[in-house]
């Protein structure tokens, strides 16, 4: 280690869905990990195991129900909407499973969006 904080750090992250009369389902249970800048990491698991949920949290598209997420030492829960948008735009790249392309737009226009 070089003394720098991990680029991505999760501590006891949990994610629940449901509530308000619907059955509550906990899809992430106490996930902790540290990823240094330059490391390569694979998220693998069976269908329905929470991989997409974890990736959505790591990419700041969703928030954990409990636990802590830090990006470069900064607590993501404390970031405002503009700071989160900056992170999503400048720090993360996504290739969605469902593509989410605009059919009437060119490939270039889809990338620019």
Protein backbone atom coordinates (compact mmCIF):
# COMPACT_ATOMS: atom_id res chain seq x y z
CA UNK A 1 0.00 0.00 0.00
CA UNK A 2 1.11 3.53 -0.67
CA UNK A 3 -0.59 5.24 2.27
CA UNK A 4 -3.45 6.45 0.08
CA UNK A 5 -6.99 5.48 1.05
CA UNK A 6 -8.56 2.76 -1.09
CA UNK A 7 -10.23 4.07 -4.22
CA UNK A 8 -13.41 2.17 -3.31
CA UNK A 9 -14.21 1.00 0.19
CA UNK A 10 -17.37 -0.65 1.49
CA UNK A 11 -17.85 -1.39 5.18
CA UNK A 12 -20.69 -3.68 6.26
CA UNK A 13 -22.93 -2.56 3.38
CA UNK A 14 -26.47 -3.88 3.35
CA UNK A 15 -29.26 -3.34 0.86
CA UNK A 16 -32.91 -4.10 1.49
CA UNK A 17 -35.93 -3.81 -0.76
CA UNK A 18 -39.58 -3.90 0.22
CA UNK A 19 -41.19 -2.62 3.38
CA UNK A 20 -44.34 -0.48 3.65
CA UNK A 21 -46.47 -3.62 3.66
CA UNK A 22 -44.37 -5.53 1.14
CA UNK A 23 -42.11 -8.31 2.37
CA UNK A 24 -38.61 -7.00 3.04
CA UNK A 25 -35.77 -8.74 1.22
CA UNK A 26 -32.13 -8.16 2.12
CA UNK A 27 -30.08 -8.67 -1.05
CA UNK A 28 -26.70 -7.53 0.30
CA UNK A 29 -25.70 -8.62 3.79
CA UNK A 30 -22.66 -7.02 5.35
CA UNK A 31 -20.48 -6.60 2.25
CA UNK A 32 -17.03 -5.19 3.02
CA UNK A 33 -14.28 -4.67 0.46
CA UNK A 34 -11.35 -2.40 -0.36
CA UNK A 35 -10.21 -1.77 -3.92
CA UNK A 36 -7.01 0.18 -4.57
CA UNK A 37 -6.52 2.33 -7.67
CA UNK A 38 -5.24 0.17 -10.53
CA UNK A 39 -6.57 -3.10 -9.14
CA UNK A 40 -8.73 -5.37 -11.28
CA UNK A 41 -11.70 -6.97 -9.54
CA UNK A 42 -14.32 -9.42 -10.78
CA UNK A 43 -17.77 -9.52 -9.20
CA UNK A 44 -19.12 -13.02 -9.78
CA UNK A 45 -22.04 -15.01 -8.44
CA UNK A 46 -25.20 -16.85 -9.25
CA UNK A 47 -28.19 -15.13 -10.80
CA UNK A 48 -30.01 -13.14 -8.14
CA UNK A 49 -27.04 -13.01 -5.77
CA UNK A 50 -26.84 -9.20 -5.70
CA UNK A 51 -24.11 -8.48 -8.28
CA UNK A 52 -26.09 -5.78 -10.09
CA UNK A 53 -27.20 -4.25 -6.80
CA UNK A 54 -23.57 -4.10 -5.65
CA UNK A 55 -22.46 -2.56 -8.95
CA UNK A 56 -25.25 0.03 -8.75
CA UNK A 57 -24.07 1.03 -5.28
CA UNK A 58 -20.41 1.15 -6.34
CA UNK A 59 -21.37 3.30 -9.35
CA UNK A 60 -23.43 5.70 -7.21
CA UNK A 61 -26.66 4.77 -9.01
CA UNK A 62 -28.14 3.48 -5.74
CA UNK A 63 -27.40 3.88 -2.03
CA UNK A 64 -26.94 1.18 0.59
CA UNK A 65 -29.62 0.71 3.23
CA UNK A 66 -26.89 0.48 5.89
CA UNK A 67 -23.12 0.57 6.06
CA UNK A 68 -20.54 2.94 4.63
CA UNK A 69 -19.24 3.56 1.11
CA UNK A 70 -16.18 5.73 0.55
CA UNK A 71 -14.75 6.81 -2.78
CA UNK A 72 -11.14 8.02 -2.50
CA UNK A 73 -11.70 8.50 1.22
CA UNK A 74 -14.88 10.56 0.82
CA UNK A 75 -18.12 9.31 2.37
CA UNK A 76 -20.49 8.94 -0.58
CA UNK A 77 -23.53 9.37 1.69
CA UNK A 78 -22.40 12.96 2.38
CA UNK A 79 -22.19 13.94 -1.31
CA UNK A 80 -24.88 16.16 -2.80
CA UNK A 81 -26.57 15.48 -6.15
CA UNK A 82 -24.02 17.54 -8.10
CA UNK A 83 -21.06 15.72 -6.56
CA UNK A 84 -22.69 12.35 -7.27
CA UNK A 85 -23.35 13.38 -10.87
CA UNK A 86 -19.70 14.43 -11.21
CA UNK A 87 -18.54 11.04 -9.88
CA UNK A 88 -20.83 9.15 -12.25
CA UNK A 89 -19.68 11.27 -15.18
CA UNK A 90 -15.92 11.47 -14.47
CA UNK A 91 -15.03 8.40 -12.40
CA UNK A 92 -17.27 5.57 -13.58
CA UNK A 93 -18.11 3.95 -16.89
CA UNK A 94 -21.08 1.67 -17.37
CA UNK A 95 -22.04 -0.88 -19.98
CA UNK A 96 -25.57 -1.85 -19.07
CA UNK A 97 -26.84 -5.38 -19.57
CA UNK A 98 -29.94 -4.04 -21.34
CA UNK A 99 -27.95 -1.47 -23.36
CA UNK A 100 -30.47 1.37 -22.79
CA UNK A 101 -29.77 2.86 -26.22
CA UNK A 102 -31.92 5.47 -27.93
CA UNK A 103 -33.05 3.75 -31.16
CA UNK A 104 -33.39 6.98 -33.18
CA UNK A 105 -29.88 8.17 -32.21
CA UNK A 106 -26.59 7.24 -33.84
CA UNK A 107 -23.93 5.30 -31.95
CA UNK A 108 -22.03 8.55 -31.39
CA UNK A 109 -25.14 10.34 -30.12
CA UNK A 110 -25.86 7.46 -27.73
CA UNK A 111 -22.33 7.70 -26.33
CA UNK A 112 -22.60 11.48 -25.96
CA UNK A 113 -25.73 11.10 -23.85
